[in-house]
Amino acid sequence: MVRKNRKPKNRNAKLMTAANMPPLYHTLPSEEFNRGKSEVLKWLAERPALIEYVYDQAKNKGEIIYDATTGKWQGVYWEDDDE
């Protein structure tokens, strides 16, 4: 299935990077699914705009927070077992 020239309104420019992904396997033929072997995940991970999009979404939705004291980001539910 090939869809061309279909541009819905309000598309995020960073996410649109994925619209140019070539045909790739997420599960290799005759193999069990393995994230480490997914061509799709590898391709997506190599796109800085998509990584930035995920970061922006997590930050804007409050899933990760910045600690000005340490200068680090962390998940809102992260707990340090050492404390």
PDB file of N, CA and C in Angstrom:
ATOM      1  N   MET A   1       0.845  -1.164   0.000  1.00  0.00           N
ATOM      2  CA  MET A   1       0.000   0.000   0.000  1.00  0.00           C
ATOM      3  C   MET A   1       0.897   1.236   0.000  1.00  0.00           C
ATOM      4  N   VAL A   2       0.782   2.046  -1.013  1.00  0.00           N
ATOM      5  CA  VAL A   2       1.589   3.252  -1.130  1.00  0.00           C
ATOM      6  C   VAL A   2       0.658   4.454  -1.168  1.00  0.00           C
ATOM      7  N   ARG A   3       0.877   5.373  -0.231  1.00  0.00           N
ATOM      8  CA  ARG A   3       0.093   6.606  -0.196  1.00  0.00           C
ATOM      9  C   ARG A   3       1.024   7.759  -0.486  1.00  0.00           C
ATOM     10  N   LYS A   4       0.720   8.505  -1.488  1.00  0.00           N
ATOM     11  CA  LYS A   4       1.557   9.648  -1.854  1.00  0.00           C
ATOM     12  C   LYS A   4       0.722  10.911  -1.871  1.00  0.00           C
ATOM     13  N   ASN A   5       1.397  12.011  -1.592  1.00  0.00           N
ATOM     14  CA  ASN A   5       0.781  13.338  -1.659  1.00  0.00           C
ATOM     15  C   ASN A   5      -0.446  13.475  -0.767  1.00  0.00           C
ATOM     16  N   ARG A   6      -0.469  12.749   0.324  1.00  0.00           N
ATOM     17  CA  ARG A   6      -1.568  12.847   1.279  1.00  0.00           C
ATOM     18  C   ARG A   6      -1.031  13.549   2.512  1.00  0.00           C
ATOM     19  N   LYS A   7      -1.341  14.815   2.666  1.00  0.00           N
ATOM     20  CA  LYS A   7      -0.799  15.602   3.774  1.00  0.00           C
ATOM     21  C   LYS A   7      -1.939  16.152   4.627  1.00  0.00           C
ATOM     22  N   PRO A   8      -2.297  15.435   5.698  1.00  0.00           N
ATOM     23  CA  PRO A   8      -3.356  15.952   6.573  1.00  0.00           C
ATOM     24  C   PRO A   8      -2.937  17.258   7.231  1.00  0.00           C
ATOM     25  N   LYS A   9      -3.921  18.031   7.652  1.00  0.00           N
ATOM     26  CA  LYS A   9      -3.659  19.299   8.328  1.00  0.00           C
ATOM     27  C   LYS A   9      -3.012  19.050   9.679  1.00  0.00           C
ATOM     28  N   ASN A  10      -2.304  20.054  10.161  1.00  0.00           N
ATOM     29  CA  ASN A  10      -1.720  20.051  11.502  1.00  0.00           C
ATOM     30  C   ASN A  10      -0.708  18.932  11.754  1.00  0.00           C
ATOM     31  N   ARG A  11       0.046  18.552  10.776  1.00  0.00           N
ATOM     32  CA  ARG A  11       1.057  17.517  10.969  1.00  0.00           C
ATOM     33  C   ARG A  11       2.292  18.130  11.590  1.00  0.00           C
ATOM     34  N   ASN A  12       2.881  17.437  12.543  1.00  0.00           N
ATOM     35  CA  ASN A  12       4.107  17.884  13.175  1.00  0.00           C
ATOM     36  C   ASN A  12       5.263  17.662  12.206  1.00  0.00           C
ATOM     37  N   ALA A  13       6.041  18.717  11.963  1.00  0.00           N
ATOM     38  CA  ALA A  13       7.139  18.647  10.990  1.00  0.00           C
ATOM     39  C   ALA A  13       8.176  17.596  11.382  1.00  0.00           C
ATOM     40  N   LYS A  14       8.459  17.461  12.681  1.00  0.00           N
ATOM     41  CA  LYS A  14       9.434  16.461  13.122  1.00  0.00           C
ATOM     42  C   LYS A  14       8.905  15.051  12.901  1.00  0.00           C
ATOM     43  N   LEU A  15       7.638  14.843  13.211  1.00  0.00           N
ATOM     44  CA  LEU A  15       7.040  13.527  13.032  1.00  0.00           C
ATOM     45  C   LEU A  15       6.912  13.167  11.550  1.00  0.00           C
ATOM     46  N   MET A  16       6.754  14.179  10.718  1.00  0.00           N
ATOM     47  CA  MET A  16       6.632  13.935   9.278  1.00  0.00           C
ATOM     48  C   MET A  16       7.875  13.281   8.693  1.00  0.00           C
ATOM     49  N   THR A  17       8.995  13.340   9.412  1.00  0.00           N
ATOM     50  CA  THR A  17      10.213  12.656   8.967  1.00  0.00           C
ATOM     51  C   THR A  17       9.917  11.186   8.684  1.00  0.00           C
ATOM     52  N   ALA A  18       9.061  10.581   9.495  1.00  0.00           N
ATOM     53  CA  ALA A  18       8.731   9.169   9.341  1.00  0.00           C
ATOM     54  C   ALA A  18       8.013   8.889   8.019  1.00  0.00           C
ATOM     55  N   ALA A  19       7.376   9.897   7.450  1.00  0.00           N
ATOM     56  CA  ALA A  19       6.649   9.711   6.193  1.00  0.00           C
ATOM     57  C   ALA A  19       7.581   9.381   5.031  1.00  0.00           C
ATOM     58  N   ASN A  20       8.877   9.599   5.223  1.00  0.00           N
ATOM     59  CA  ASN A  20       9.853   9.302   4.171  1.00  0.00           C
ATOM     60  C   ASN A  20      10.603   7.994   4.404  1.00  0.00           C
ATOM     61  N   MET A  21      10.123   7.181   5.351  1.00  0.00           N
ATOM     62  CA  MET A  21      10.794   5.920   5.642  1.00  0.00           C
ATOM     63  C   MET A  21      10.620   4.954   4.461  1.00  0.00           C
ATOM     64  N   PRO A  22      11.713   4.339   4.031  1.00  0.00           N
ATOM     65  CA  PRO A  22      11.611   3.354   2.952  1.00  0.00           C
ATOM     66  C   PRO A  22      10.993   2.057   3.487  1.00  0.00           C
ATOM     67  N   PRO A  23      10.666   1.114   2.620  1.00  0.00           N
ATOM     68  CA  PRO A  23      10.127  -0.167   3.089  1.00  0.00           C
ATOM     69  C   PRO A  23      11.165  -0.908   3.943  1.00  0.00           C
ATOM     70  N   LEU A  24      10.793  -1.227   5.174  1.00  0.00           N
ATOM     71  CA  LEU A  24      11.691  -1.906   6.107  1.00  0.00           C
ATOM     72  C   LEU A  24      10.909  -2.946   6.902  1.00  0.00           C
ATOM     73  N   TYR A  25      11.631  -3.927   7.427  1.00  0.00           N
ATOM     74  CA  TYR A  25      11.010  -4.944   8.277  1.00  0.00           C
ATOM     75  C   TYR A  25      11.026  -4.502   9.734  1.00  0.00           C
ATOM     76  N   HIS A  26       9.897  -4.723  10.412  1.00  0.00           N
ATOM     77  CA  HIS A  26       9.861  -4.553  11.857  1.00  0.00           C
ATOM     78  C   HIS A  26      10.141  -5.927  12.489  1.00  0.00           C
ATOM     79  N   THR A  27       9.625  -6.960  11.866  1.00  0.00           N
ATOM     80  CA  THR A  27       9.940  -8.347  12.221  1.00  0.00           C
ATOM     81  C   THR A  27      10.559  -8.973  10.978  1.00  0.00           C
ATOM     82  N   LEU A  28      11.753  -9.482  11.108  1.00  0.00           N
ATOM     83  CA  LEU A  28      12.425 -10.087   9.961  1.00  0.00           C
ATOM     84  C   LEU A  28      11.701 -11.358   9.538  1.00  0.00           C
ATOM     85  N   PRO A  29      11.647 -11.624   8.238  1.00  0.00           N
ATOM     86  CA  PRO A  29      10.952 -12.816   7.756  1.00  0.00           C
ATOM     87  C   PRO A  29      11.500 -14.090   8.416  1.00  0.00           C
ATOM     88  N   SER A  30      10.601 -14.961   8.789  1.00  0.00           N
ATOM     89  CA  SER A  30      10.933 -16.264   9.376  1.00  0.00           C
ATOM     90  C   SER A  30      11.616 -16.160  10.735  1.00  0.00           C
ATOM     91  N   GLU A  31      11.496 -15.018  11.396  1.00  0.00           N
ATOM     92  CA  GLU A  31      12.092 -14.852  12.730  1.00  0.00           C
ATOM     93  C   GLU A  31      11.050 -14.333  13.707  1.00  0.00           C
ATOM     94  N   GLU A  32      11.291 -14.584  14.985  1.00  0.00           N
ATOM     95  CA  GLU A  32      10.460 -14.008  16.045  1.00  0.00           C
ATOM     96  C   GLU A  32      10.793 -12.521  16.125  1.00  0.00           C
ATOM     97  N   PHE A  33       9.833 -11.722  16.601  1.00  0.00           N
ATOM     98  CA  PHE A  33      10.095 -10.298  16.736  1.00  0.00           C
ATOM     99  C   PHE A  33      11.224 -10.068  17.735  1.00  0.00           C
ATOM    100  N   ASN A  34      12.129  -9.154  17.367  1.00  0.00           N
ATOM    101  CA  ASN A  34      13.251  -8.785  18.220  1.00  0.00           C
ATOM    102  C   ASN A  34      13.511  -7.301  17.993  1.00  0.00           C
ATOM    103  N   ARG A  35      13.296  -6.496  19.050  1.00  0.00           N
ATOM    104  CA  ARG A  35      13.510  -5.049  18.924  1.00  0.00           C
ATOM    105  C   ARG A  35      14.891  -4.712  18.385  1.00  0.00           C
ATOM    106  N   GLY A  36      15.884  -5.456  18.815  1.00  0.00           N
ATOM    107  CA  GLY A  36      17.257  -5.193  18.399  1.00  0.00           C
ATOM    108  C   GLY A  36      17.512  -5.452  16.924  1.00  0.00           C
ATOM    109  N   LYS A  37      16.634  -6.222  16.285  1.00  0.00           N
ATOM    110  CA  LYS A  37      16.796  -6.523  14.859  1.00  0.00           C
ATOM    111  C   LYS A  37      15.818  -5.758  13.971  1.00  0.00           C
ATOM    112  N   SER A  38      14.952  -4.945  14.568  1.00  0.00           N
ATOM    113  CA  SER A  38      13.950  -4.216  13.798  1.00  0.00           C
ATOM    114  C   SER A  38      14.605  -3.155  12.925  1.00  0.00           C
ATOM    115  N   GLU A  39      14.426  -3.281  11.619  1.00  0.00           N
ATOM    116  CA  GLU A  39      14.933  -2.269  10.692  1.00  0.00           C
ATOM    117  C   GLU A  39      14.182  -0.949  10.876  1.00  0.00           C
ATOM    118  N   VAL A  40      12.895  -1.052  11.192  1.00  0.00           N
ATOM    119  CA  VAL A  40      12.075   0.146  11.389  1.00  0.00           C
ATOM    120  C   VAL A  40      12.579   0.943  12.588  1.00  0.00           C
ATOM    121  N   LEU A  41      12.768   0.273  13.733  1.00  0.00           N
ATOM    122  CA  LEU A  41      13.232   0.988  14.928  1.00  0.00           C
ATOM    123  C   LEU A  41      14.625   1.568  14.734  1.00  0.00           C
ATOM    124  N   LYS A  42      15.480   0.843  14.031  1.00  0.00           N
ATOM    125  CA  LYS A  42      16.832   1.345  13.767  1.00  0.00           C
ATOM    126  C   LYS A  42      16.757   2.618  12.918  1.00  0.00           C
ATOM    127  N   TRP A  43      15.956   2.590  11.882  1.00  0.00           N
ATOM    128  CA  TRP A  43      15.820   3.744  10.995  1.00  0.00           C
ATOM    129  C   TRP A  43      15.261   4.944  11.764  1.00  0.00           C
ATOM    130  N   LEU A  44      14.215   4.719  12.552  1.00  0.00           N
ATOM    131  CA  LEU A  44      13.612   5.807  13.330  1.00  0.00           C
ATOM    132  C   LEU A  44      14.606   6.382  14.338  1.00  0.00           C
ATOM    133  N   ALA A  45      15.367   5.514  14.996  1.00  0.00           N
ATOM    134  CA  ALA A  45      16.325   5.962  16.014  1.00  0.00           C
ATOM    135  C   ALA A  45      17.456   6.791  15.420  1.00  0.00           C
ATOM    136  N   GLU A  46      17.720   6.621  14.138  1.00  0.00           N
ATOM    137  CA  GLU A  46      18.796   7.358  13.472  1.00  0.00           C
ATOM    138  C   GLU A  46      18.342   8.729  12.958  1.00  0.00           C
ATOM    139  N   ARG A  47      17.096   9.096  13.247  1.00  0.00           N
ATOM    140  CA  ARG A  47      16.557  10.382  12.793  1.00  0.00           C
ATOM    141  C   ARG A  47      16.470  11.342  13.973  1.00  0.00           C
ATOM    142  N   PRO A  48      17.402  12.307  14.063  1.00  0.00           N
ATOM    143  CA  PRO A  48      17.402  13.248  15.193  1.00  0.00           C
ATOM    144  C   PRO A  48      16.068  13.980  15.371  1.00  0.00           C
ATOM    145  N   ALA A  49      15.390  14.319  14.305  1.00  0.00           N
ATOM    146  CA  ALA A  49      14.121  15.040  14.416  1.00  0.00           C
ATOM    147  C   ALA A  49      13.076  14.201  15.151  1.00  0.00           C
ATOM    148  N   LEU A  50      13.087  12.890  14.922  1.00  0.00           N
ATOM    149  CA  LEU A  50      12.121  12.025  15.598  1.00  0.00           C
ATOM    150  C   LEU A  50      12.462  11.837  17.067  1.00  0.00           C
ATOM    151  N   ILE A  51      13.744  11.740  17.374  1.00  0.00           N
ATOM    152  CA  ILE A  51      14.164  11.629  18.767  1.00  0.00           C
ATOM    153  C   ILE A  51      13.786  12.914  19.508  1.00  0.00           C
ATOM    154  N   GLU A  52      14.004  14.065  18.863  1.00  0.00           N
ATOM    155  CA  GLU A  52      13.641  15.349  19.455  1.00  0.00           C
ATOM    156  C   GLU A  52      12.128  15.440  19.671  1.00  0.00           C
ATOM    157  N   TYR A  53      11.368  14.912  18.724  1.00  0.00           N
ATOM    158  CA  TYR A  53       9.905  14.905  18.850  1.00  0.00           C
ATOM    159  C   TYR A  53       9.471  14.099  20.081  1.00  0.00           C
ATOM    160  N   VAL A  54      10.038  12.930  20.273  1.00  0.00           N
ATOM    161  CA  VAL A  54       9.691  12.097  21.426  1.00  0.00           C
ATOM    162  C   VAL A  54      10.050  12.826  22.725  1.00  0.00           C
ATOM    163  N   TYR A  55      11.243  13.422  22.749  1.00  0.00           N
ATOM    164  CA  TYR A  55      11.671  14.197  23.918  1.00  0.00           C
ATOM    165  C   TYR A  55      10.688  15.342  24.194  1.00  0.00           C
ATOM    166  N   ASP A  56      10.348  16.110  23.161  1.00  0.00           N
ATOM    167  CA  ASP A  56       9.425  17.235  23.326  1.00  0.00           C
ATOM    168  C   ASP A  56       8.071  16.764  23.850  1.00  0.00           C
ATOM    169  N   GLN A  57       7.574  15.657  23.318  1.00  0.00           N
ATOM    170  CA  GLN A  57       6.286  15.129  23.767  1.00  0.00           C
ATOM    171  C   GLN A  57       6.336  14.724  25.238  1.00  0.00           C
ATOM    172  N   ALA A  58       7.396  14.014  25.638  1.00  0.00           N
ATOM    173  CA  ALA A  58       7.533  13.579  27.025  1.00  0.00           C
ATOM    174  C   ALA A  58       7.641  14.785  27.967  1.00  0.00           C
ATOM    175  N   LYS A  59       8.409  15.788  27.552  1.00  0.00           N
ATOM    176  CA  LYS A  59       8.585  16.997  28.366  1.00  0.00           C
ATOM    177  C   LYS A  59       7.274  17.776  28.466  1.00  0.00           C
ATOM    178  N   ASN A  60       6.643  18.028  27.340  1.00  0.00           N
ATOM    179  CA  ASN A  60       5.425  18.836  27.319  1.00  0.00           C
ATOM    180  C   ASN A  60       4.242  18.167  28.012  1.00  0.00           C
ATOM    181  N   LYS A  61       4.228  16.849  28.040  1.00  0.00           N
ATOM    182  CA  LYS A  61       3.151  16.110  28.719  1.00  0.00           C
ATOM    183  C   LYS A  61       3.474  15.886  30.193  1.00  0.00           C
ATOM    184  N   GLY A  62       4.651  16.331  30.634  1.00  0.00           N
ATOM    185  CA  GLY A  62       5.018  16.196  32.037  1.00  0.00           C
ATOM    186  C   GLY A  62       5.487  14.813  32.433  1.00  0.00           C
ATOM    187  N   GLU A  63       5.870  13.994  31.462  1.00  0.00           N
ATOM    188  CA  GLU A  63       6.348  12.637  31.749  1.00  0.00           C
ATOM    189  C   GLU A  63       7.792  12.637  32.232  1.00  0.00           C
ATOM    190  N   ILE A  64       8.547  13.654  31.835  1.00  0.00           N
ATOM    191  CA  ILE A  64       9.912  13.840  32.333  1.00  0.00           C
ATOM    192  C   ILE A  64      10.004  15.250  32.881  1.00  0.00           C
ATOM    193  N   ILE A  65      10.812  15.422  33.924  1.00  0.00           N
ATOM    194  CA  ILE A  65      10.949  16.725  34.560  1.00  0.00           C
ATOM    195  C   ILE A  65      12.426  17.050  34.752  1.00  0.00           C
ATOM    196  N   TYR A  66      12.708  18.347  34.793  1.00  0.00           N
ATOM    197  CA  TYR A  66      14.069  18.837  34.937  1.00  0.00           C
ATOM    198  C   TYR A  66      14.310  19.217  36.388  1.00  0.00           C
ATOM    199  N   ASP A  67      15.445  18.783  36.925  1.00  0.00           N
ATOM    200  CA  ASP A  67      15.863  19.147  38.282  1.00  0.00           C
ATOM    201  C   ASP A  67      16.986  20.175  38.142  1.00  0.00           C
ATOM    202  N   ALA A  68      16.667  21.437  38.415  1.00  0.00           N
ATOM    203  CA  ALA A  68      17.647  22.515  38.263  1.00  0.00           C
ATOM    204  C   ALA A  68      18.825  22.360  39.217  1.00  0.00           C
ATOM    205  N   THR A  69      18.623  21.674  40.327  1.00  0.00           N
ATOM    206  CA  THR A  69      19.695  21.463  41.293  1.00  0.00           C
ATOM    207  C   THR A  69      20.788  20.556  40.728  1.00  0.00           C
ATOM    208  N   THR A  70      20.370  19.483  40.069  1.00  0.00           N
ATOM    209  CA  THR A  70      21.338  18.521  39.523  1.00  0.00           C
ATOM    210  C   THR A  70      21.646  18.761  38.052  1.00  0.00           C
ATOM    211  N   GLY A  71      20.740  19.480  37.366  1.00  0.00           N
ATOM    212  CA  GLY A  71      20.906  19.687  35.933  1.00  0.00           C
ATOM    213  C   GLY A  71      20.512  18.466  35.122  1.00  0.00           C
ATOM    214  N   LYS A  72      19.733  17.559  35.727  1.00  0.00           N
ATOM    215  CA  LYS A  72      19.338  16.314  35.056  1.00  0.00           C
ATOM    216  C   LYS A  72      17.828  16.256  34.850  1.00  0.00           C
ATOM    217  N   TRP A  73      17.454  15.452  33.859  1.00  0.00           N
ATOM    218  CA  TRP A  73      16.051  15.147  33.593  1.00  0.00           C
ATOM    219  C   TRP A  73      15.768  13.756  34.131  1.00  0.00           C
ATOM    220  N   GLN A  74      14.518  13.517  34.545  1.00  0.00           N
ATOM    221  CA  GLN A  74      14.144  12.172  34.978  1.00  0.00           C
ATOM    222  C   GLN A  74      12.653  11.973  34.781  1.00  0.00           C
ATOM    223  N   GLY A  75      12.254  10.711  34.747  1.00  0.00           N
ATOM    224  CA  GLY A  75      10.838  10.376  34.648  1.00  0.00           C
ATOM    225  C   GLY A  75      10.128  10.725  35.941  1.00  0.00           C
ATOM    226  N   VAL A  76       8.869  11.132  35.836  1.00  0.00           N
ATOM    227  CA  VAL A  76       8.139  11.579  37.022  1.00  0.00           C
ATOM    228  C   VAL A  76       7.921  10.449  38.028  1.00  0.00           C
ATOM    229  N   TYR A  77       7.938   9.204  37.605  1.00  0.00           N
ATOM    230  CA  TYR A  77       7.716   8.080  38.513  1.00  0.00           C
ATOM    231  C   TYR A  77       9.013   7.380  38.918  1.00  0.00           C
ATOM    232  N   TRP A  78      10.138   7.896  38.449  1.00  0.00           N
ATOM    233  CA  TRP A  78      11.420   7.270  38.788  1.00  0.00           C
ATOM    234  C   TRP A  78      11.676   7.394  40.278  1.00  0.00           C
ATOM    235  N   GLU A  79      12.133   6.277  40.872  1.00  0.00           N
ATOM    236  CA  GLU A  79      12.477   6.281  42.290  1.00  0.00           C
ATOM    237  C   GLU A  79      13.880   5.737  42.433  1.00  0.00           C
ATOM    238  N   ASP A  80      14.663   6.395  43.260  1.00  0.00           N
ATOM    239  CA  ASP A  80      16.029   5.949  43.524  1.00  0.00           C
ATOM    240  C   ASP A  80      15.981   4.938  44.665  1.00  0.00           C
ATOM    241  N   ASP A  81      16.326   3.696  44.377  1.00  0.00           N
ATOM    242  CA  ASP A  81      16.310   2.647  45.382  1.00  0.00           C
ATOM    243  C   ASP A  81      17.405   2.828  46.412  1.00  0.00           C
ATOM    244  N   ASP A  82      18.392   3.673  46.121  1.00  0.00           N
ATOM    245  CA  ASP A  82      19.510   3.880  47.049  1.00  0.00           C
ATOM    246  C   ASP A  82      19.175   4.865  48.170  1.00  0.00           C
ATOM    247  N   GLU A  83      18.066   5.592  48.026  1.00  0.00           N
ATOM    248  CA  GLU A  83      17.723   6.599  49.057  1.00  0.00           C
ATOM    249  C   GLU A  83      16.884   6.005  50.147  1.00  0.00           C
TER     250      GLU A  83
END
